[in-house]
Amino acid sequence: MAMKIIAEDCINCGACEPECPVGAISEGEDTYVIDESLCVECEGYYDSPQCVEVCPVDCIVKAD
């Protein structure tokens, strides 16, 4: 169900990881990553994806 990706301009600040209510975000090799099999885009938890709300460099975007 995931519709978001963390782009390569991620600065590895880690702000997004604790905001995910289902634990879909983890630290990858070069950037943080979203596990598409877990991500629910915060549906049922919040009105909007919290990772997008807290990202200081706006690198979390809709996947194509």
C-alpha atoms as a PDB file:
ATOM      1  CA  MET A   1       0.000   0.000   0.000  1.00  0.00           C
ATOM      2  CA  ALA A   2       2.998   2.310   0.327  1.00  0.00           C
ATOM      3  CA  MET A   3       2.982   5.267  -1.963  1.00  0.00           C
ATOM      4  CA  LYS A   4       6.033   7.027  -0.567  1.00  0.00           C
ATOM      5  CA  ILE A   5       9.762   6.738  -1.126  1.00  0.00           C
ATOM      6  CA  ILE A   6      12.680   8.446   0.567  1.00  0.00           C
ATOM      7  CA  ALA A   7      14.718  10.148  -2.147  1.00  0.00           C
ATOM      8  CA  GLU A   8      18.491  10.184  -2.333  1.00  0.00           C
ATOM      9  CA  ASP A   9      18.654  13.714  -0.912  1.00  0.00           C
ATOM     10  CA  CYS A  10      17.853  12.229   2.519  1.00  0.00           C
ATOM     11  CA  ILE A  11      20.336  13.611   5.070  1.00  0.00           C
ATOM     12  CA  ASN A  12      19.988  10.631   7.446  1.00  0.00           C
ATOM     13  CA  CYS A  13      18.724  12.809  10.282  1.00  0.00           C
ATOM     14  CA  GLY A  14      16.427  10.050  11.548  1.00  0.00           C
ATOM     15  CA  ALA A  15      13.463  12.347  12.243  1.00  0.00           C
ATOM     16  CA  CYS A  16      11.069  10.159  10.263  1.00  0.00           C
ATOM     17  CA  GLU A  17      11.780   6.778  11.840  1.00  0.00           C
ATOM     18  CA  PRO A  18      10.171   7.301  15.270  1.00  0.00           C
ATOM     19  CA  GLU A  19       7.135   8.990  13.698  1.00  0.00           C
ATOM     20  CA  CYS A  20       6.031   5.878  11.786  1.00  0.00           C
ATOM     21  CA  PRO A  21       3.187   4.187  13.700  1.00  0.00           C
ATOM     22  CA  VAL A  22       3.798   0.805  12.033  1.00  0.00           C
ATOM     23  CA  GLY A  23       7.612   0.717  12.002  1.00  0.00           C
ATOM     24  CA  ALA A  24       7.901   0.849   8.216  1.00  0.00           C
ATOM     25  CA  ILE A  25      10.914   3.202   8.200  1.00  0.00           C
ATOM     26  CA  SER A  26      14.430   2.032   8.946  1.00  0.00           C
ATOM     27  CA  GLU A  27      17.994   3.139   8.375  1.00  0.00           C
ATOM     28  CA  GLY A  28      19.315   1.885   5.056  1.00  0.00           C
ATOM     29  CA  GLU A  29      22.843   1.828   3.718  1.00  0.00           C
ATOM     30  CA  ASP A  30      22.842   5.393   2.338  1.00  0.00           C
ATOM     31  CA  THR A  31      19.429   6.789   3.297  1.00  0.00           C
ATOM     32  CA  TYR A  32      16.448   5.831   5.387  1.00  0.00           C
ATOM     33  CA  VAL A  33      14.062   3.475   3.599  1.00  0.00           C
ATOM     34  CA  ILE A  34      10.336   2.729   3.706  1.00  0.00           C
ATOM     35  CA  ASP A  35       9.250  -0.920   3.731  1.00  0.00           C
ATOM     36  CA  GLU A  36       6.399  -0.891   1.215  1.00  0.00           C
ATOM     37  CA  SER A  37       4.897  -4.056   2.679  1.00  0.00           C
ATOM     38  CA  LEU A  38       4.394  -2.322   6.043  1.00  0.00           C
ATOM     39  CA  CYS A  39       3.614   1.296   5.122  1.00  0.00           C
ATOM     40  CA  VAL A  40      -0.022   2.337   5.461  1.00  0.00           C
ATOM     41  CA  GLU A  41       0.661   6.065   4.876  1.00  0.00           C
ATOM     42  CA  CYS A  42      -0.558   6.619   8.458  1.00  0.00           C
ATOM     43  CA  GLU A  43      -4.146   5.738   7.493  1.00  0.00           C
ATOM     44  CA  GLY A  44      -6.072   4.983  10.632  1.00  0.00           C
ATOM     45  CA  TYR A  45      -3.445   6.716  12.774  1.00  0.00           C
ATOM     46  CA  TYR A  46      -3.108  10.305  11.521  1.00  0.00           C
ATOM     47  CA  ASP A  47      -4.678  12.616   8.945  1.00  0.00           C
ATOM     48  CA  SER A  48      -1.476  12.750   6.882  1.00  0.00           C
ATOM     49  CA  PRO A  49       1.789  10.779   6.638  1.00  0.00           C
ATOM     50  CA  GLN A  50       3.854  11.837   9.635  1.00  0.00           C
ATOM     51  CA  CYS A  51       7.190  11.113   7.948  1.00  0.00           C
ATOM     52  CA  VAL A  52       6.402  13.778   5.357  1.00  0.00           C
ATOM     53  CA  GLU A  53       5.374  16.231   8.071  1.00  0.00           C
ATOM     54  CA  VAL A  54       8.676  15.969   9.993  1.00  0.00           C
ATOM     55  CA  CYS A  55      11.198  15.636   7.144  1.00  0.00           C
ATOM     56  CA  PRO A  56      13.432  18.751   7.217  1.00  0.00           C
ATOM     57  CA  VAL A  57      14.545  18.375   3.586  1.00  0.00           C
ATOM     58  CA  ASP A  58      11.237  17.262   2.036  1.00  0.00           C
ATOM     59  CA  CYS A  59      12.754  14.114   0.552  1.00  0.00           C
ATOM     60  CA  ILE A  60       9.787  11.789   1.159  1.00  0.00           C
ATOM     61  CA  VAL A  61       7.687  11.765  -1.990  1.00  0.00           C
ATOM     62  CA  LYS A  62       5.034   9.781  -3.826  1.00  0.00           C
ATOM     63  CA  ALA A  63       6.375   6.768  -5.688  1.00  0.00           C
ATOM     64  CA  ASP A  64       5.705   6.509  -9.422  1.00  0.00           C
END
